[in-house]
Amino acid sequence: MKGQAQRDLIRDLVSEATNARFEIIERAEDGSFPVKGVEWFMRCRNEEDIRKTPYLNTVWKERDGPVWMESLAIGDTFDWIGSSYGEETAGNTLDLNYSEFAEKRFRSQFNAKYPLVQRRIQSCETIAVEAGRRHRVHLELRSIGSKGIVVFTLSARLSALEKASLAKRVKSSVTALREAYEQVTQI
């Protein structure tokens, strides 16, 4: 099963598992989506549903790749640096380009300068991996870096998309996301 049928089934499964409405986001006039390189994209847009399900807000399928299920932001470097080192220090980081945050060299420098934030990131990564392990799904802390900030979310990856096991995998991923989101927001 592929394409629109797969997308619609996943939307229905996610909506059922969260008791929230997910809407398919159509391509823009130029044929693009809000996320590059995707086959389809959906989001929970209803304000009441968003408040109920912050652990899952966006779902998309990469072209020739997995389906990703992602939470709302769990935090960002500006807030975490501010709460650990003060607002002035956080303000001084706004000129940094965090687009290379995932690279080892950049991360090493960041960790040395902000070890308290690094510990928080490691705690979130550990929570995600452990929740994923408990529910037998791939769960990770995802970072999106740009000028002045890195935003962190929790993401589940669905690689096996056979119809027979899809309902169970979606439900397990939603459960793992909910569990990890509740834990990381308490840190």
C-alpha atoms as a PDB file:
ATOM      1  CA  MET A   1       0.000   0.000   0.000  1.00  0.00           C
ATOM      2  CA  LYS A   2       1.381   3.370  -1.014  1.00  0.00           C
ATOM      3  CA  GLY A   3       0.523   6.942  -1.807  1.00  0.00           C
ATOM      4  CA  GLN A   4      -2.820   8.437  -0.931  1.00  0.00           C
ATOM      5  CA  ALA A   5      -4.292   5.218   0.502  1.00  0.00           C
ATOM      6  CA  GLN A   6      -1.344   4.841   2.872  1.00  0.00           C
ATOM      7  CA  ARG A   7      -1.500   8.529   3.841  1.00  0.00           C
ATOM      8  CA  ASP A   8      -5.226   8.358   4.561  1.00  0.00           C
ATOM      9  CA  LEU A   9      -4.863   5.165   6.608  1.00  0.00           C
ATOM     10  CA  ILE A  10      -2.059   6.689   8.688  1.00  0.00           C
ATOM     11  CA  ARG A  11      -4.109   9.854   9.222  1.00  0.00           C
ATOM     12  CA  ASP A  12      -7.034   7.762  10.446  1.00  0.00           C
ATOM     13  CA  LEU A  13      -4.811   5.630  12.706  1.00  0.00           C
ATOM     14  CA  VAL A  14      -3.068   8.674  14.204  1.00  0.00           C
ATOM     15  CA  SER A  15      -6.382  10.469  14.729  1.00  0.00           C
ATOM     16  CA  GLU A  16      -7.819   7.386  16.435  1.00  0.00           C
ATOM     17  CA  ALA A  17      -4.757   6.852  18.639  1.00  0.00           C
ATOM     18  CA  THR A  18      -4.685  10.487  19.799  1.00  0.00           C
ATOM     19  CA  ASN A  19      -8.399  11.281  19.676  1.00  0.00           C
ATOM     20  CA  ALA A  20      -7.391  14.401  17.719  1.00  0.00           C
ATOM     21  CA  ARG A  21      -8.053  15.526  14.155  1.00  0.00           C
ATOM     22  CA  PHE A  22      -5.112  15.491  11.757  1.00  0.00           C
ATOM     23  CA  GLU A  23      -5.438  17.374   8.485  1.00  0.00           C
ATOM     24  CA  ILE A  24      -3.609  16.625   5.288  1.00  0.00           C
ATOM     25  CA  ILE A  25      -1.653  19.668   4.173  1.00  0.00           C
ATOM     26  CA  GLU A  26      -1.818  20.106   0.436  1.00  0.00           C
ATOM     27  CA  ARG A  27       1.120  21.200  -1.656  1.00  0.00           C
ATOM     28  CA  ALA A  28       1.642  24.911  -2.159  1.00  0.00           C
ATOM     29  CA  GLU A  29       1.134  26.372  -5.636  1.00  0.00           C
ATOM     30  CA  ASP A  30       4.808  25.714  -6.421  1.00  0.00           C
ATOM     31  CA  GLY A  31       4.303  22.015  -5.573  1.00  0.00           C
ATOM     32  CA  SER A  32       6.234  22.163  -2.297  1.00  0.00           C
ATOM     33  CA  PHE A  33       5.349  21.187   1.270  1.00  0.00           C
ATOM     34  CA  PRO A  34       6.307  22.929   4.523  1.00  0.00           C
ATOM     35  CA  VAL A  35       9.050  20.274   4.872  1.00  0.00           C
ATOM     36  CA  LYS A  36      11.371  19.522   1.942  1.00  0.00           C
ATOM     37  CA  GLY A  37      11.684  16.090   0.370  1.00  0.00           C
ATOM     38  CA  VAL A  38       8.336  14.715   1.506  1.00  0.00           C
ATOM     39  CA  GLU A  39       5.698  12.672  -0.259  1.00  0.00           C
ATOM     40  CA  TRP A  40       2.864  13.829   2.009  1.00  0.00           C
ATOM     41  CA  PHE A  41       2.419  15.917   5.148  1.00  0.00           C
ATOM     42  CA  MET A  42      -0.255  16.257   7.847  1.00  0.00           C
ATOM     43  CA  ARG A  43      -0.676  18.239  11.020  1.00  0.00           C
ATOM     44  CA  CYS A  44      -3.015  18.634  13.965  1.00  0.00           C
ATOM     45  CA  ARG A  45      -4.321  22.189  13.541  1.00  0.00           C
ATOM     46  CA  ASN A  46      -7.294  22.397  15.896  1.00  0.00           C
ATOM     47  CA  GLU A  47      -6.292  24.446  18.953  1.00  0.00           C
ATOM     48  CA  GLU A  48      -8.168  22.254  21.432  1.00  0.00           C
ATOM     49  CA  ASP A  49      -6.660  19.074  19.940  1.00  0.00           C
ATOM     50  CA  ILE A  50      -3.165  20.610  19.978  1.00  0.00           C
ATOM     51  CA  ARG A  51      -3.490  21.284  23.705  1.00  0.00           C
ATOM     52  CA  LYS A  52      -4.613  17.672  24.273  1.00  0.00           C
ATOM     53  CA  THR A  53      -1.863  16.098  22.184  1.00  0.00           C
ATOM     54  CA  PRO A  54       1.364  18.135  22.326  1.00  0.00           C
ATOM     55  CA  TYR A  55       3.250  14.841  22.083  1.00  0.00           C
ATOM     56  CA  LEU A  56       2.167  14.454  18.442  1.00  0.00           C
ATOM     57  CA  ASN A  57       1.498  17.352  16.108  1.00  0.00           C
ATOM     58  CA  THR A  58       3.024  16.571  12.705  1.00  0.00           C
ATOM     59  CA  VAL A  59       3.284  13.461  10.535  1.00  0.00           C
ATOM     60  CA  TRP A  60       5.007  13.177   7.164  1.00  0.00           C
ATOM     61  CA  LYS A  61       6.468  10.619   4.792  1.00  0.00           C
ATOM     62  CA  GLU A  62       9.839  11.144   3.195  1.00  0.00           C
ATOM     63  CA  ARG A  63      10.075  10.343  -0.501  1.00  0.00           C
ATOM     64  CA  ASP A  64      11.180   6.701  -0.708  1.00  0.00           C
ATOM     65  CA  GLY A  65      11.705   6.757   3.060  1.00  0.00           C
ATOM     66  CA  PRO A  66      10.077   6.363   6.445  1.00  0.00           C
ATOM     67  CA  VAL A  67       7.101   8.062   8.037  1.00  0.00           C
ATOM     68  CA  TRP A  68       7.957  10.507  10.824  1.00  0.00           C
ATOM     69  CA  MET A  69       5.671  11.410  13.711  1.00  0.00           C
ATOM     70  CA  GLU A  70       6.745  14.508  15.651  1.00  0.00           C
ATOM     71  CA  SER A  71       5.777  16.344  18.833  1.00  0.00           C
ATOM     72  CA  LEU A  72       5.493  20.040  19.392  1.00  0.00           C
ATOM     73  CA  ALA A  73       8.749  21.624  20.552  1.00  0.00           C
ATOM     74  CA  ILE A  74       9.889  20.391  23.962  1.00  0.00           C
ATOM     75  CA  GLY A  75      12.376  23.217  24.347  1.00  0.00           C
ATOM     76  CA  ASP A  76      15.128  25.204  22.706  1.00  0.00           C
ATOM     77  CA  THR A  77      18.674  26.352  23.348  1.00  0.00           C
ATOM     78  CA  PHE A  78      17.685  29.955  24.060  1.00  0.00           C
ATOM     79  CA  ASP A  79      15.339  29.011  26.918  1.00  0.00           C
ATOM     80  CA  TRP A  80      17.586  26.260  28.274  1.00  0.00           C
ATOM     81  CA  ILE A  81      20.690  28.456  28.248  1.00  0.00           C
ATOM     82  CA  GLY A  82      18.674  31.279  29.820  1.00  0.00           C
ATOM     83  CA  SER A  83      17.359  29.118  32.640  1.00  0.00           C
ATOM     84  CA  SER A  84      20.804  27.617  33.336  1.00  0.00           C
ATOM     85  CA  TYR A  85      23.140  30.564  32.749  1.00  0.00           C
ATOM     86  CA  GLY A  86      20.957  33.667  32.754  1.00  0.00           C
ATOM     87  CA  GLU A  87      19.142  35.748  30.179  1.00  0.00           C
ATOM     88  CA  GLU A  88      22.209  37.815  29.272  1.00  0.00           C
ATOM     89  CA  THR A  89      24.158  34.697  28.346  1.00  0.00           C
ATOM     90  CA  ALA A  90      21.186  33.415  26.345  1.00  0.00           C
ATOM     91  CA  GLY A  91      20.930  36.750  24.543  1.00  0.00           C
ATOM     92  CA  ASN A  92      24.593  36.511  23.558  1.00  0.00           C
ATOM     93  CA  THR A  93      23.879  33.235  21.724  1.00  0.00           C
ATOM     94  CA  LEU A  94      21.376  34.771  19.298  1.00  0.00           C
ATOM     95  CA  ASP A  95      24.113  35.538  16.772  1.00  0.00           C
ATOM     96  CA  LEU A  96      25.350  31.927  16.631  1.00  0.00           C
ATOM     97  CA  ASN A  97      24.527  29.849  13.584  1.00  0.00           C
ATOM     98  CA  TYR A  98      23.227  26.546  14.944  1.00  0.00           C
ATOM     99  CA  SER A  99      22.622  24.966  11.534  1.00  0.00           C
ATOM    100  CA  GLU A 100      25.641  22.701  12.164  1.00  0.00           C
ATOM    101  CA  PHE A 101      24.442  21.633  15.624  1.00  0.00           C
ATOM    102  CA  ALA A 102      24.423  17.939  14.699  1.00  0.00           C
ATOM    103  CA  GLU A 103      28.090  18.021  13.623  1.00  0.00           C
ATOM    104  CA  LYS A 104      30.537  16.589  16.146  1.00  0.00           C
ATOM    105  CA  ARG A 105      32.915  19.576  16.187  1.00  0.00           C
ATOM    106  CA  PHE A 106      30.146  22.129  16.740  1.00  0.00           C
ATOM    107  CA  ARG A 107      28.480  19.978  19.364  1.00  0.00           C
ATOM    108  CA  SER A 108      31.746  19.481  21.241  1.00  0.00           C
ATOM    109  CA  GLN A 109      32.296  23.251  21.475  1.00  0.00           C
ATOM    110  CA  PHE A 110      28.692  23.794  22.544  1.00  0.00           C
ATOM    111  CA  ASN A 111      28.916  21.083  25.213  1.00  0.00           C
ATOM    112  CA  ALA A 112      32.099  22.578  26.664  1.00  0.00           C
ATOM    113  CA  LYS A 113      30.534  26.031  26.878  1.00  0.00           C
ATOM    114  CA  TYR A 114      27.084  24.940  28.148  1.00  0.00           C
ATOM    115  CA  PRO A 115      27.488  21.646  30.062  1.00  0.00           C
ATOM    116  CA  LEU A 116      24.210  22.076  31.979  1.00  0.00           C
ATOM    117  CA  VAL A 117      22.295  22.330  28.711  1.00  0.00           C
ATOM    118  CA  GLN A 118      24.192  19.333  27.345  1.00  0.00           C
ATOM    119  CA  ARG A 119      23.115  17.289  30.381  1.00  0.00           C
ATOM    120  CA  ARG A 120      19.518  18.262  29.716  1.00  0.00           C
ATOM    121  CA  ILE A 121      19.834  17.257  26.068  1.00  0.00           C
ATOM    122  CA  GLN A 122      21.387  13.915  27.101  1.00  0.00           C
ATOM    123  CA  SER A 123      18.547  13.328  29.576  1.00  0.00           C
ATOM    124  CA  CYS A 124      15.985  13.960  26.843  1.00  0.00           C
ATOM    125  CA  GLU A 125      17.841  11.652  24.445  1.00  0.00           C
ATOM    126  CA  THR A 126      17.936   8.908  27.070  1.00  0.00           C
ATOM    127  CA  ILE A 127      14.230   9.272  27.840  1.00  0.00           C
ATOM    128  CA  ALA A 128      13.381   9.057  24.127  1.00  0.00           C
ATOM    129  CA  VAL A 129      15.511   5.968  23.520  1.00  0.00           C
ATOM    130  CA  GLU A 130      14.200   4.178  26.620  1.00  0.00           C
ATOM    131  CA  ALA A 131      10.542   4.930  25.794  1.00  0.00           C
ATOM    132  CA  GLY A 132      11.149   3.696  22.263  1.00  0.00           C
ATOM    133  CA  ARG A 133      12.767   0.524  23.563  1.00  0.00           C
ATOM    134  CA  ARG A 134       9.865  -0.167  25.942  1.00  0.00           C
ATOM    135  CA  HIS A 135       7.344   0.165  23.108  1.00  0.00           C
ATOM    136  CA  ARG A 136       9.570  -1.400  20.415  1.00  0.00           C
ATOM    137  CA  VAL A 137       9.652   1.660  18.168  1.00  0.00           C
ATOM    138  CA  HIS A 138      12.355   4.061  17.028  1.00  0.00           C
ATOM    139  CA  LEU A 139      12.078   7.263  19.073  1.00  0.00           C
ATOM    140  CA  GLU A 140      14.642  10.058  19.084  1.00  0.00           C
ATOM    141  CA  LEU A 141      15.300  13.602  20.180  1.00  0.00           C
ATOM    142  CA  ARG A 142      15.322  15.670  17.013  1.00  0.00           C
ATOM    143  CA  SER A 143      17.130  18.990  16.758  1.00  0.00           C
ATOM    144  CA  ILE A 144      16.504  21.695  14.189  1.00  0.00           C
ATOM    145  CA  GLY A 145      19.177  24.393  14.256  1.00  0.00           C
ATOM    146  CA  SER A 146      19.184  27.805  12.631  1.00  0.00           C
ATOM    147  CA  LYS A 147      20.512  31.279  13.392  1.00  0.00           C
ATOM    148  CA  GLY A 148      20.276  31.920  17.121  1.00  0.00           C
ATOM    149  CA  ILE A 149      18.448  28.779  18.226  1.00  0.00           C
ATOM    150  CA  VAL A 150      18.076  25.006  18.171  1.00  0.00           C
ATOM    151  CA  VAL A 151      14.547  23.689  18.661  1.00  0.00           C
ATOM    152  CA  PHE A 152      14.082  20.177  20.057  1.00  0.00           C
ATOM    153  CA  THR A 153      11.208  17.785  19.391  1.00  0.00           C
ATOM    154  CA  LEU A 154      10.536  14.110  19.937  1.00  0.00           C
ATOM    155  CA  SER A 155      10.172  12.043  16.779  1.00  0.00           C
ATOM    156  CA  ALA A 156       9.124   8.494  16.030  1.00  0.00           C
ATOM    157  CA  ARG A 157      10.223   6.832  12.801  1.00  0.00           C
ATOM    158  CA  LEU A 158       8.102   4.179  11.109  1.00  0.00           C
ATOM    159  CA  SER A 159      10.120   2.268   8.538  1.00  0.00           C
ATOM    160  CA  ALA A 160       8.069  -0.886   8.060  1.00  0.00           C
ATOM    161  CA  LEU A 161       4.835   0.283   6.485  1.00  0.00           C
ATOM    162  CA  GLU A 162       3.067  -3.000   5.726  1.00  0.00           C
ATOM    163  CA  LYS A 163      -0.677  -2.643   6.196  1.00  0.00           C
ATOM    164  CA  ALA A 164      -0.954  -5.688   8.486  1.00  0.00           C
ATOM    165  CA  SER A 165       1.345  -4.225  11.169  1.00  0.00           C
ATOM    166  CA  LEU A 166       0.799  -0.510  10.596  1.00  0.00           C
ATOM    167  CA  ALA A 167      -2.015  -0.024  13.132  1.00  0.00           C
ATOM    168  CA  LYS A 168       0.036  -1.604  15.917  1.00  0.00           C
ATOM    169  CA  ARG A 169       3.179   0.362  14.994  1.00  0.00           C
ATOM    170  CA  VAL A 170       1.311   3.684  14.880  1.00  0.00           C
ATOM    171  CA  LYS A 171      -0.353   3.016  18.232  1.00  0.00           C
ATOM    172  CA  SER A 172       2.949   1.965  19.839  1.00  0.00           C
ATOM    173  CA  SER A 173       4.680   5.062  18.441  1.00  0.00           C
ATOM    174  CA  VAL A 174       1.943   7.350  19.766  1.00  0.00           C
ATOM    175  CA  THR A 175       2.173   5.699  23.198  1.00  0.00           C
ATOM    176  CA  ALA A 176       5.972   6.050  23.258  1.00  0.00           C
ATOM    177  CA  LEU A 177       5.773   9.709  22.164  1.00  0.00           C
ATOM    178  CA  ARG A 178       3.203  10.474  24.879  1.00  0.00           C
ATOM    179  CA  GLU A 179       5.268   8.763  27.566  1.00  0.00           C
ATOM    180  CA  ALA A 180       8.535  10.446  26.563  1.00  0.00           C
ATOM    181  CA  TYR A 181       6.887  13.868  26.156  1.00  0.00           C
ATOM    182  CA  GLU A 182       5.419  13.691  29.652  1.00  0.00           C
ATOM    183  CA  GLN A 183       8.842  12.797  31.080  1.00  0.00           C
ATOM    184  CA  VAL A 184      10.960  15.356  29.202  1.00  0.00           C
ATOM    185  CA  THR A 185       8.609  18.217  30.028  1.00  0.00           C
ATOM    186  CA  GLN A 186       9.211  17.488  33.727  1.00  0.00           C
ATOM    187  CA  ILE A 187      12.983  18.018  33.477  1.00  0.00           C
END
